[in-house]
PDB file of N, CA and C in Angstrom:
ATOM      1  N   MET A   1       0.869  -1.268  -0.070  1.00  0.00           N
ATOM      2  CA  MET A   1       0.023  -0.110  -0.086  1.00  0.00           C
ATOM      3  C   MET A   1       0.872   1.115  -0.024  1.00  0.00           C
ATOM      4  N   SER A   2       0.624   2.255  -0.621  1.00  0.00           N
ATOM      5  CA  SER A   2       1.222   3.443  -0.841  1.00  0.00           C
ATOM      6  C   SER A   2       1.080   4.381   0.341  1.00  0.00           C
ATOM      7  N   LYS A   3       2.118   4.950   0.796  1.00  0.00           N
ATOM      8  CA  LYS A   3       2.214   5.918   2.040  1.00  0.00           C
ATOM      9  C   LYS A   3       1.731   7.190   1.548  1.00  0.00           C
ATOM     10  N   ASP A   4       0.951   7.859   2.393  1.00  0.00           N
ATOM     11  CA  ASP A   4       0.404   9.219   2.095  1.00  0.00           C
ATOM     12  C   ASP A   4       1.724  10.238   2.371  1.00  0.00           C
ATOM     13  N   LEU A   5       2.067  10.822   1.418  1.00  0.00           N
ATOM     14  CA  LEU A   5       3.191  11.812   1.619  1.00  0.00           C
ATOM     15  C   LEU A   5       2.801  13.278   1.621  1.00  0.00           C
ATOM     16  N   SER A   6       1.586  13.533   1.696  1.00  0.00           N
ATOM     17  CA  SER A   6       0.928  14.740   1.542  1.00  0.00           C
ATOM     18  C   SER A   6       1.379  15.580   3.063  1.00  0.00           C
ATOM     19  N   SER A   7       1.384  14.592   4.033  1.00  0.00           N
ATOM     20  CA  SER A   7       1.864  15.162   5.376  1.00  0.00           C
ATOM     21  C   SER A   7       3.230  15.319   5.365  1.00  0.00           C
ATOM     22  N   GLY A   8       3.817  16.502   5.795  1.00  0.00           N
ATOM     23  CA  GLY A   8       5.159  16.822   5.918  1.00  0.00           C
ATOM     24  C   GLY A   8       5.893  15.874   6.800  1.00  0.00           C
ATOM     25  N   LYS A   9       5.170  15.355   7.715  1.00  0.00           N
ATOM     26  CA  LYS A   9       5.832  14.390   8.687  1.00  0.00           C
ATOM     27  C   LYS A   9       6.173  13.094   8.032  1.00  0.00           C
ATOM     28  N   ASN A  10       5.328  12.596   7.369  1.00  0.00           N
ATOM     29  CA  ASN A  10       5.660  11.419   6.526  1.00  0.00           C
ATOM     30  C   ASN A  10       6.855  11.590   5.550  1.00  0.00           C
ATOM     31  N   ARG A  11       6.803  12.537   4.785  1.00  0.00           N
ATOM     32  CA  ARG A  11       7.753  13.023   3.811  1.00  0.00           C
ATOM     33  C   ARG A  11       9.033  13.180   4.407  1.00  0.00           C
ATOM     34  N   LYS A  12       9.159  13.909   5.698  1.00  0.00           N
ATOM     35  CA  LYS A  12      10.403  14.127   6.365  1.00  0.00           C
ATOM     36  C   LYS A  12      11.183  12.848   6.907  1.00  0.00           C
ATOM     37  N   ASN A  13      10.204  11.653   7.133  1.00  0.00           N
ATOM     38  CA  ASN A  13      10.716  10.417   7.547  1.00  0.00           C
ATOM     39  C   ASN A  13      11.530   9.677   6.344  1.00  0.00           C
ATOM     40  N   LEU A  14      11.234  10.189   5.191  1.00  0.00           N
ATOM     41  CA  LEU A  14      11.974   9.308   4.031  1.00  0.00           C
ATOM     42  C   LEU A  14      13.305   9.534   4.020  1.00  0.00           C
ATOM     43  N   LYS A  15      14.117   8.605   3.666  1.00  0.00           N
ATOM     44  CA  LYS A  15      15.551   8.583   3.323  1.00  0.00           C
ATOM     45  C   LYS A  15      15.680   9.339   2.088  1.00  0.00           C
ATOM     46  N   LYS A  16      16.884  10.051   1.995  1.00  0.00           N
ATOM     47  CA  LYS A  16      17.322  10.828   0.881  1.00  0.00           C
ATOM     48  C   LYS A  16      17.269   9.867  -0.559  1.00  0.00           C
ATOM     49  N   SER A  17      17.458   8.578  -0.240  1.00  0.00           N
ATOM     50  CA  SER A  17      17.387   7.514  -1.199  1.00  0.00           C
ATOM     51  C   SER A  17      16.069   7.294  -2.064  1.00  0.00           C
ATOM     52  N   SER A  18      14.904   7.827  -1.227  1.00  0.00           N
ATOM     53  CA  SER A  18      13.696   7.592  -1.634  1.00  0.00           C
ATOM     54  C   SER A  18      13.136   8.806  -2.431  1.00  0.00           C
ATOM     55  N   PHE A  19      14.073   9.669  -2.870  1.00  0.00           N
ATOM     56  CA  PHE A  19      13.765  10.705  -3.779  1.00  0.00           C
ATOM     57  C   PHE A  19      14.542  10.690  -5.061  1.00  0.00           C
ATOM     58  N   ALA A  20      13.884  10.960  -6.063  1.00  0.00           N
ATOM     59  CA  ALA A  20      14.552  10.844  -7.614  1.00  0.00           C
ATOM     60  C   ALA A  20      15.441  12.055  -7.507  1.00  0.00           C
ATOM     61  N   LEU A  21      15.316  13.047  -6.986  1.00  0.00           N
ATOM     62  CA  LEU A  21      16.082  14.127  -6.869  1.00  0.00           C
ATOM     63  C   LEU A  21      16.510  14.384  -5.274  1.00  0.00           C
ATOM     64  N   PRO A  22      17.527  13.557  -4.739  1.00  0.00           N
ATOM     65  CA  PRO A  22      17.651  13.587  -3.400  1.00  0.00           C
ATOM     66  C   PRO A  22      18.204  14.872  -2.793  1.00  0.00           C
ATOM     67  N   GLU A  23      19.104  15.600  -3.594  1.00  0.00           N
ATOM     68  CA  GLU A  23      19.570  16.667  -2.978  1.00  0.00           C
ATOM     69  C   GLU A  23      18.627  17.897  -2.746  1.00  0.00           C
ATOM     70  N   GLU A  24      17.495  17.834  -3.449  1.00  0.00           N
ATOM     71  CA  GLU A  24      16.422  18.733  -3.355  1.00  0.00           C
ATOM     72  C   GLU A  24      15.209  18.060  -2.553  1.00  0.00           C
ATOM     73  N   GLU A  25      15.464  16.833  -2.375  1.00  0.00           N
ATOM     74  CA  GLU A  25      14.154  16.147  -1.783  1.00  0.00           C
ATOM     75  C   GLU A  25      12.884  16.289  -2.671  1.00  0.00           C
ATOM     76  N   LYS A  26      13.077  16.191  -3.928  1.00  0.00           N
ATOM     77  CA  LYS A  26      11.925  16.229  -4.894  1.00  0.00           C
ATOM     78  C   LYS A  26      11.632  14.951  -5.485  1.00  0.00           C
ATOM     79  N   TYR A  27      10.388  14.761  -5.803  1.00  0.00           N
ATOM     80  CA  TYR A  27       9.784  13.512  -6.600  1.00  0.00           C
ATOM     81  C   TYR A  27      10.213  12.345  -5.725  1.00  0.00           C
ATOM     82  N   PRO A  28       9.498  12.053  -4.720  1.00  0.00           N
ATOM     83  CA  PRO A  28       9.538  10.927  -3.804  1.00  0.00           C
ATOM     84  C   PRO A  28       9.212   9.578  -4.485  1.00  0.00           C
ATOM     85  N   ILE A  29      10.084   8.670  -4.404  1.00  0.00           N
ATOM     86  CA  ILE A  29       9.753   7.216  -5.035  1.00  0.00           C
ATOM     87  C   ILE A  29      10.109   6.222  -4.140  1.00  0.00           C
ATOM     88  N   PRO A  30       9.257   6.222  -2.935  1.00  0.00           N
ATOM     89  CA  PRO A  30       9.465   5.165  -1.948  1.00  0.00           C
ATOM     90  C   PRO A  30       8.877   3.789  -2.400  1.00  0.00           C
ATOM     91  N   ASP A  31       7.935   4.011  -3.410  1.00  0.00           N
ATOM     92  CA  ASP A  31       7.270   2.767  -3.891  1.00  0.00           C
ATOM     93  C   ASP A  31       6.940   2.949  -5.293  1.00  0.00           C
ATOM     94  N   ILE A  32       6.567   1.813  -5.953  1.00  0.00           N
ATOM     95  CA  ILE A  32       6.207   2.130  -7.497  1.00  0.00           C
ATOM     96  C   ILE A  32       5.104   2.892  -7.895  1.00  0.00           C
ATOM     97  N   ALA A  33       4.026   3.124  -7.103  1.00  0.00           N
ATOM     98  CA  ALA A  33       3.171   4.182  -7.130  1.00  0.00           C
ATOM     99  C   ALA A  33       3.594   5.350  -7.222  1.00  0.00           C
ATOM    100  N   HIS A  34       4.459   5.844  -6.294  1.00  0.00           N
ATOM    101  CA  HIS A  34       4.937   7.118  -6.376  1.00  0.00           C
ATOM    102  C   HIS A  34       5.811   7.338  -7.296  1.00  0.00           C
ATOM    103  N   ALA A  35       6.650   6.104  -7.814  1.00  0.00           N
ATOM    104  CA  ALA A  35       7.508   6.413  -8.871  1.00  0.00           C
ATOM    105  C   ALA A  35       6.875   6.821 -10.262  1.00  0.00           C
ATOM    106  N   ARG A  36       5.751   6.000 -10.417  1.00  0.00           N
ATOM    107  CA  ARG A  36       4.790   6.347 -11.472  1.00  0.00           C
ATOM    108  C   ARG A  36       4.457   7.927 -11.380  1.00  0.00           C
ATOM    109  N   ASN A  37       3.939   8.257 -10.235  1.00  0.00           N
ATOM    110  CA  ASN A  37       3.618   9.907 -10.146  1.00  0.00           C
ATOM    111  C   ASN A  37       4.728  10.621 -10.383  1.00  0.00           C
ATOM    112  N   ALA A  38       5.832  10.319 -10.026  1.00  0.00           N
ATOM    113  CA  ALA A  38       6.872  11.140 -10.177  1.00  0.00           C
ATOM    114  C   ALA A  38       7.217  11.479 -11.499  1.00  0.00           C
ATOM    115  N   LEU A  39       7.206  10.274 -12.347  1.00  0.00           N
ATOM    116  CA  LEU A  39       7.504  10.467 -13.793  1.00  0.00           C
ATOM    117  C   LEU A  39       6.344  11.389 -14.479  1.00  0.00           C
ATOM    118  N   ALA A  40       5.133  11.236 -13.935  1.00  0.00           N
ATOM    119  CA  ALA A  40       4.083  12.068 -14.563  1.00  0.00           C
ATOM    120  C   ALA A  40       4.153  13.522 -14.170  1.00  0.00           C
ATOM    121  N   ARG A  41       4.633  13.747 -12.902  1.00  0.00           N
ATOM    122  CA  ARG A  41       4.708  15.321 -12.272  1.00  0.00           C
ATOM    123  C   ARG A  41       6.020  15.932 -13.067  1.00  0.00           C
ATOM    124  N   VAL A  42       6.996  14.999 -13.183  1.00  0.00           N
ATOM    125  CA  VAL A  42       8.341  15.831 -13.826  1.00  0.00           C
ATOM    126  C   VAL A  42       8.124  16.045 -15.417  1.00  0.00           C
ATOM    127  N   ALA A  43       7.148  15.213 -15.884  1.00  0.00           N
ATOM    128  CA  ALA A  43       6.721  15.385 -17.370  1.00  0.00           C
ATOM    129  C   ALA A  43       6.146  16.620 -17.391  1.00  0.00           C
ATOM    130  N   GLN A  44       5.260  17.058 -16.533  1.00  0.00           N
ATOM    131  CA  GLN A  44       4.389  18.222 -16.573  1.00  0.00           C
ATOM    132  C   GLN A  44       5.171  19.465 -16.153  1.00  0.00           C
ATOM    133  N   ASN A  45       5.929  19.365 -15.119  1.00  0.00           N
ATOM    134  CA  ASN A  45       6.644  20.410 -14.491  1.00  0.00           C
ATOM    135  C   ASN A  45       8.113  20.746 -14.404  1.00  0.00           C
ATOM    136  N   GLY A  46       8.619  19.544 -14.883  1.00  0.00           N
ATOM    137  CA  GLY A  46      10.188  19.583 -14.757  1.00  0.00           C
ATOM    138  C   GLY A  46      10.783  19.992 -15.880  1.00  0.00           C
ATOM    139  N   THR A  47      12.289  20.439 -15.660  1.00  0.00           N
ATOM    140  CA  THR A  47      13.122  20.867 -16.849  1.00  0.00           C
ATOM    141  C   THR A  47      13.401  19.577 -17.488  1.00  0.00           C
ATOM    142  N   ALA A  48      14.062  19.811 -18.564  1.00  0.00           N
ATOM    143  CA  ALA A  48      14.463  18.516 -19.343  1.00  0.00           C
ATOM    144  C   ALA A  48      15.729  17.931 -18.609  1.00  0.00           C
ATOM    145  N   SER A  49      16.402  18.598 -17.705  1.00  0.00           N
ATOM    146  CA  SER A  49      17.510  18.015 -17.031  1.00  0.00           C
ATOM    147  C   SER A  49      16.838  17.139 -16.076  1.00  0.00           C
ATOM    148  N   GLU A  50      15.850  17.725 -15.260  1.00  0.00           N
ATOM    149  CA  GLU A  50      15.026  17.076 -14.132  1.00  0.00           C
ATOM    150  C   GLU A  50      14.333  15.792 -14.635  1.00  0.00           C
ATOM    151  N   GLN A  51      13.944  15.960 -15.934  1.00  0.00           N
ATOM    152  CA  GLN A  51      13.217  14.860 -16.442  1.00  0.00           C
ATOM    153  C   GLN A  51      14.262  13.642 -16.781  1.00  0.00           C
ATOM    154  N   LYS A  52      15.355  13.842 -17.205  1.00  0.00           N
ATOM    155  CA  LYS A  52      16.458  12.843 -17.427  1.00  0.00           C
ATOM    156  C   LYS A  52      16.725  12.237 -16.264  1.00  0.00           C
ATOM    157  N   LYS A  53      17.010  13.001 -15.003  1.00  0.00           N
ATOM    158  CA  LYS A  53      17.432  12.693 -13.707  1.00  0.00           C
ATOM    159  C   LYS A  53      16.432  11.651 -13.150  1.00  0.00           C
ATOM    160  N   VAL A  54      15.188  12.127 -13.102  1.00  0.00           N
ATOM    161  CA  VAL A  54      14.048  11.318 -12.515  1.00  0.00           C
ATOM    162  C   VAL A  54      13.834  10.136 -13.298  1.00  0.00           C
ATOM    163  N   ARG A  55      13.999  10.133 -14.604  1.00  0.00           N
ATOM    164  CA  ARG A  55      13.721   9.012 -15.310  1.00  0.00           C
ATOM    165  C   ARG A  55      14.825   7.933 -15.046  1.00  0.00           C
ATOM    166  N   ALA A  56      16.009   8.394 -14.779  1.00  0.00           N
ATOM    167  CA  ALA A  56      17.217   7.593 -14.554  1.00  0.00           C
ATOM    168  C   ALA A  56      16.924   6.890 -13.110  1.00  0.00           C
ATOM    169  N   ALA A  57      16.546   7.730 -12.264  1.00  0.00           N
ATOM    170  CA  ALA A  57      16.423   7.364 -10.781  1.00  0.00           C
ATOM    171  C   ALA A  57      15.199   6.346 -10.786  1.00  0.00           C
ATOM    172  N   VAL A  58      14.204   6.609 -11.206  1.00  0.00           N
ATOM    173  CA  VAL A  58      13.115   5.523 -11.440  1.00  0.00           C
ATOM    174  C   VAL A  58      13.445   4.260 -12.098  1.00  0.00           C
ATOM    175  N   GLU A  59      14.106   4.224 -13.125  1.00  0.00           N
ATOM    176  CA  GLU A  59      14.601   3.167 -13.861  1.00  0.00           C
ATOM    177  C   GLU A  59      15.585   2.319 -13.142  1.00  0.00           C
ATOM    178  N   LYS A  60      16.536   2.929 -12.256  1.00  0.00           N
ATOM    179  CA  LYS A  60      17.336   2.153 -11.682  1.00  0.00           C
ATOM    180  C   LYS A  60      16.708   1.510 -10.261  1.00  0.00           C
ATOM    181  N   LYS A  61      15.885   2.214  -9.803  1.00  0.00           N
ATOM    182  CA  LYS A  61      15.159   1.544  -8.559  1.00  0.00           C
ATOM    183  C   LYS A  61      14.160   0.573  -8.982  1.00  0.00           C
ATOM    184  N   TYR A  62      13.249   0.885 -10.081  1.00  0.00           N
ATOM    185  CA  TYR A  62      12.286   0.121 -10.527  1.00  0.00           C
ATOM    186  C   TYR A  62      12.341  -0.283 -12.057  1.00  0.00           C
ATOM    187  N   PRO A  63      13.263  -1.255 -12.343  1.00  0.00           N
ATOM    188  CA  PRO A  63      13.725  -1.738 -13.752  1.00  0.00           C
ATOM    189  C   PRO A  63      12.296  -1.964 -14.589  1.00  0.00           C
ATOM    190  N   SER A  64      11.338  -2.393 -13.863  1.00  0.00           N
ATOM    191  CA  SER A  64       9.992  -2.963 -14.639  1.00  0.00           C
ATOM    192  C   SER A  64       9.419  -1.650 -15.287  1.00  0.00           C
ATOM    193  N   LEU A  65       9.777  -0.425 -14.827  1.00  0.00           N
ATOM    194  CA  LEU A  65       9.220   0.753 -15.375  1.00  0.00           C
ATOM    195  C   LEU A  65      10.112   1.431 -16.380  1.00  0.00           C
ATOM    196  N   LYS A  66      11.024   0.702 -16.876  1.00  0.00           N
ATOM    197  CA  LYS A  66      11.879   1.174 -17.933  1.00  0.00           C
ATOM    198  C   LYS A  66      11.254   1.359 -18.991  1.00  0.00           C
ATOM    199  N   LYS A  67      11.400   2.822 -19.725  1.00  0.00           N
ATOM    200  CA  LYS A  67      10.784   3.115 -20.962  1.00  0.00           C
ATOM    201  C   LYS A  67      11.513   2.321 -22.119  1.00  0.00           C
ATOM    202  N   ASP A  68      10.665   1.827 -23.007  1.00  0.00           N
ATOM    203  CA  ASP A  68      11.148   1.212 -24.084  1.00  0.00           C
ATOM    204  C   ASP A  68      11.224   2.461 -25.295  1.00  0.00           C
ATOM    205  N   ASP A  69      12.595   2.536 -25.754  1.00  0.00           N
ATOM    206  CA  ASP A  69      12.649   3.534 -26.918  1.00  0.00           C
ATOM    207  C   ASP A  69      12.596   2.963 -28.207  1.00  0.00           C
TER     208      ASP A  69
END
């Protein structure tokens, strides 16, 4: 089951490795549902650089979400 990260308390308890952009603590990816959401959000709002970094982090952590080119 997916953890609700809308609460700042839950989000603050995540390890840095649970973020696609850990240095900024952006795009949490603690589970596959959040990873899918991170891909959708970065596609809507992220820079080209952020999109590449988030895609790489998601694919590394969840190979089943690897995009077929």
